Each structure stands twice: as structure tokens, then as C-alpha cells.
N, C-alpha and C. Protein backbone atom coordinates (compact mmCIF):
# COMPACT_ATOMS: atom_id res chain seq x y z
N MET A 1 143.65 105.31 102.69
CA MET A 1 142.45 106.14 102.73
C MET A 1 141.45 105.54 103.73
N ALA A 2 140.89 106.37 104.54
CA ALA A 2 139.94 105.93 105.56
C ALA A 2 138.61 105.54 104.92
N LEU A 3 137.93 104.61 105.57
CA LEU A 3 136.63 104.19 105.09
C LEU A 3 135.56 105.20 105.48
N SER A 4 134.55 105.32 104.63
CA SER A 4 133.40 106.17 104.95
C SER A 4 132.60 105.44 106.03
N PRO A 5 131.72 106.15 106.71
CA PRO A 5 130.88 105.47 107.72
C PRO A 5 130.10 104.28 107.14
N GLN A 6 129.56 104.44 105.94
CA GLN A 6 128.80 103.34 105.31
C GLN A 6 129.71 102.15 104.99
N GLU A 7 130.92 102.44 104.50
CA GLU A 7 131.87 101.37 104.21
C GLU A 7 132.29 100.65 105.48
N MET A 8 132.46 101.40 106.56
CA MET A 8 132.83 100.82 107.85
C MET A 8 131.72 99.90 108.36
N GLU A 9 130.48 100.37 108.26
CA GLU A 9 129.35 99.56 108.70
C GLU A 9 129.26 98.27 107.87
N THR A 10 129.45 98.38 106.57
CA THR A 10 129.41 97.21 105.69
C THR A 10 130.50 96.21 106.09
N ALA A 11 131.69 96.71 106.38
CA ALA A 11 132.80 95.84 106.79
C ALA A 11 132.50 95.16 108.12
N ILE A 12 131.94 95.90 109.06
CA ILE A 12 131.60 95.32 110.37
C ILE A 12 130.59 94.19 110.20
N ILE A 13 129.56 94.44 109.39
CA ILE A 13 128.53 93.43 109.17
C ILE A 13 129.13 92.19 108.50
N LYS A 14 129.98 92.41 107.52
CA LYS A 14 130.62 91.30 106.80
C LYS A 14 131.47 90.46 107.74
N ASN A 15 132.15 91.09 108.68
CA ASN A 15 133.08 90.40 109.57
C ASN A 15 132.45 89.87 110.86
N LEU A 16 131.19 90.17 111.11
CA LEU A 16 130.55 89.72 112.35
C LEU A 16 130.65 88.21 112.57
N PRO A 17 130.32 87.38 111.58
CA PRO A 17 130.40 85.92 111.83
C PRO A 17 131.80 85.46 112.25
N GLU A 18 132.81 85.99 111.58
CA GLU A 18 134.19 85.60 111.90
C GLU A 18 134.62 86.11 113.27
N LYS A 19 134.26 87.33 113.58
CA LYS A 19 134.71 87.97 114.82
C LYS A 19 133.88 87.58 116.04
N THR A 20 132.57 87.30 115.83
CA THR A 20 131.69 87.06 116.98
C THR A 20 131.05 85.67 116.99
N GLY A 21 131.12 84.98 115.88
CA GLY A 21 130.50 83.66 115.79
C GLY A 21 129.03 83.68 115.42
N LYS A 22 128.47 84.89 115.19
CA LYS A 22 127.07 85.01 114.82
C LYS A 22 126.94 86.03 113.68
N SER A 23 125.96 85.80 112.83
CA SER A 23 125.67 86.75 111.75
C SER A 23 124.86 87.93 112.31
N LEU A 24 124.72 88.97 111.52
CA LEU A 24 123.92 90.12 111.93
C LEU A 24 122.49 89.68 112.25
N GLU A 25 121.94 88.83 111.41
CA GLU A 25 120.56 88.35 111.62
C GLU A 25 120.43 87.61 112.95
N GLN A 26 121.43 86.80 113.29
CA GLN A 26 121.40 86.07 114.57
C GLN A 26 121.47 87.03 115.75
N TRP A 27 122.29 88.07 115.65
CA TRP A 27 122.39 89.06 116.72
C TRP A 27 121.08 89.82 116.87
N VAL A 28 120.47 90.20 115.75
CA VAL A 28 119.21 90.93 115.80
C VAL A 28 118.14 90.06 116.46
N GLU A 29 118.13 88.77 116.11
CA GLU A 29 117.18 87.83 116.73
C GLU A 29 117.42 87.72 118.24
N LEU A 30 118.68 87.66 118.64
CA LEU A 30 119.03 87.58 120.05
C LEU A 30 118.51 88.81 120.81
N LEU A 31 118.70 89.99 120.23
CA LEU A 31 118.20 91.21 120.87
C LEU A 31 116.68 91.21 120.95
N ALA A 32 116.03 90.74 119.91
CA ALA A 32 114.56 90.69 119.92
C ALA A 32 114.07 89.77 121.04
N LYS A 33 114.71 88.64 121.21
CA LYS A 33 114.32 87.70 122.26
C LYS A 33 114.61 88.24 123.65
N ALA A 34 115.66 89.07 123.77
CA ALA A 34 116.00 89.65 125.07
C ALA A 34 114.95 90.67 125.51
N ASN A 35 114.23 91.24 124.54
CA ASN A 35 113.13 92.17 124.82
C ASN A 35 113.56 93.33 125.72
N LEU A 36 114.69 93.93 125.39
CA LEU A 36 115.18 95.07 126.14
C LEU A 36 114.68 96.35 125.47
N SER A 37 114.24 97.29 126.28
CA SER A 37 113.56 98.45 125.74
C SER A 37 114.46 99.61 125.35
N ASN A 38 115.64 99.70 125.92
CA ASN A 38 116.48 100.84 125.56
C ASN A 38 117.86 100.43 125.09
N LYS A 39 118.50 101.35 124.38
CA LYS A 39 119.80 101.06 123.76
C LYS A 39 120.89 100.78 124.78
N LYS A 40 120.81 101.43 125.93
CA LYS A 40 121.83 101.21 126.96
C LYS A 40 121.80 99.75 127.45
N GLU A 41 120.60 99.24 127.68
CA GLU A 41 120.46 97.83 128.09
C GLU A 41 120.94 96.89 127.00
N GLN A 42 120.60 97.21 125.75
CA GLN A 42 121.05 96.39 124.63
C GLN A 42 122.58 96.40 124.51
N MET A 43 123.16 97.58 124.66
CA MET A 43 124.62 97.71 124.57
C MET A 43 125.29 96.90 125.68
N THR A 44 124.75 96.96 126.88
CA THR A 44 125.30 96.20 128.01
C THR A 44 125.22 94.71 127.73
N LEU A 45 124.09 94.25 127.25
CA LEU A 45 123.94 92.83 126.93
C LEU A 45 124.98 92.38 125.91
N LEU A 46 125.11 93.13 124.84
CA LEU A 46 126.02 92.74 123.77
C LEU A 46 127.48 92.80 124.21
N LYS A 47 127.86 93.88 124.88
CA LYS A 47 129.26 94.08 125.23
C LYS A 47 129.68 93.25 126.45
N LYS A 48 128.93 93.32 127.52
CA LYS A 48 129.35 92.67 128.76
C LYS A 48 129.01 91.19 128.81
N THR A 49 127.86 90.82 128.30
CA THR A 49 127.44 89.42 128.36
C THR A 49 128.04 88.60 127.22
N HIS A 50 128.12 89.22 126.02
CA HIS A 50 128.54 88.46 124.85
C HIS A 50 129.92 88.87 124.32
N GLY A 51 130.54 89.88 124.89
CA GLY A 51 131.89 90.28 124.50
C GLY A 51 132.01 90.91 123.13
N VAL A 52 130.92 91.49 122.65
CA VAL A 52 130.92 92.16 121.36
C VAL A 52 131.60 93.51 121.51
N GLY A 53 132.35 93.92 120.50
CA GLY A 53 133.01 95.22 120.52
C GLY A 53 132.00 96.37 120.41
N HIS A 54 132.45 97.56 120.78
CA HIS A 54 131.56 98.73 120.82
C HIS A 54 130.93 99.02 119.46
N PHE A 55 131.73 99.12 118.41
CA PHE A 55 131.18 99.48 117.11
C PHE A 55 130.35 98.33 116.52
N GLN A 56 130.71 97.11 116.83
CA GLN A 56 129.89 95.97 116.42
C GLN A 56 128.52 96.07 117.10
N ALA A 57 128.53 96.35 118.40
CA ALA A 57 127.27 96.47 119.14
C ALA A 57 126.42 97.60 118.58
N GLN A 58 127.02 98.73 118.26
CA GLN A 58 126.25 99.84 117.69
C GLN A 58 125.60 99.44 116.38
N THR A 59 126.35 98.71 115.56
CA THR A 59 125.83 98.26 114.25
C THR A 59 124.67 97.30 114.44
N ILE A 60 124.80 96.38 115.37
CA ILE A 60 123.74 95.40 115.65
C ILE A 60 122.48 96.12 116.16
N ILE A 61 122.65 97.05 117.08
CA ILE A 61 121.50 97.78 117.64
C ILE A 61 120.82 98.61 116.56
N LYS A 62 121.59 99.23 115.71
CA LYS A 62 121.03 100.02 114.61
C LYS A 62 120.19 99.11 113.70
N ALA A 63 120.72 97.94 113.36
CA ALA A 63 120.01 97.01 112.47
C ALA A 63 118.73 96.51 113.14
N SER A 64 118.79 96.27 114.45
CA SER A 64 117.60 95.77 115.15
C SER A 64 116.51 96.84 115.20
N ALA A 65 116.89 98.10 115.26
CA ALA A 65 115.91 99.19 115.28
C ALA A 65 115.23 99.34 113.93
N GLU A 66 115.93 98.93 112.87
CA GLU A 66 115.38 99.05 111.50
C GLU A 66 114.44 97.91 111.18
N GLU A 67 114.42 96.87 112.00
CA GLU A 67 113.56 95.70 111.74
C GLU A 67 112.13 96.00 112.13
């Protein structure tokens, strides 16, 4: 059975430290320090500079917008 979007997001967040070496909180802090104004710039930073996967990057950006 496929995961719901919320279950998928929860799984991504849970697995971030193992897959990326940083927790969600650490990624959100990194984005805050980068002081990038739009999602495209944030996505580029996460994916191209840090090698984060697309859905991981989306989850991190969403969490940073909620802060």
C-alpha cells in the first residue's frame, strides 16, 4: 500500500539524518543563514550544493517556510 502524502513527509523527515547527515532543524537553520528569498534559489542550494534529493529539498523548504 502506498504512503499518504503526510506519511511520506514524516518518513522523509525521519530519514534525513541518515540520508543527508543533517536533521530537519539543521537544514532549516542552513536555509535561514543562506538568506535566500525564493524557493528556486533554496532548491538549487539544497540540490546542487548539498546533494539533497528533490523530495527531501521540498520537505526542508516547506518546513523552513513554516518557521
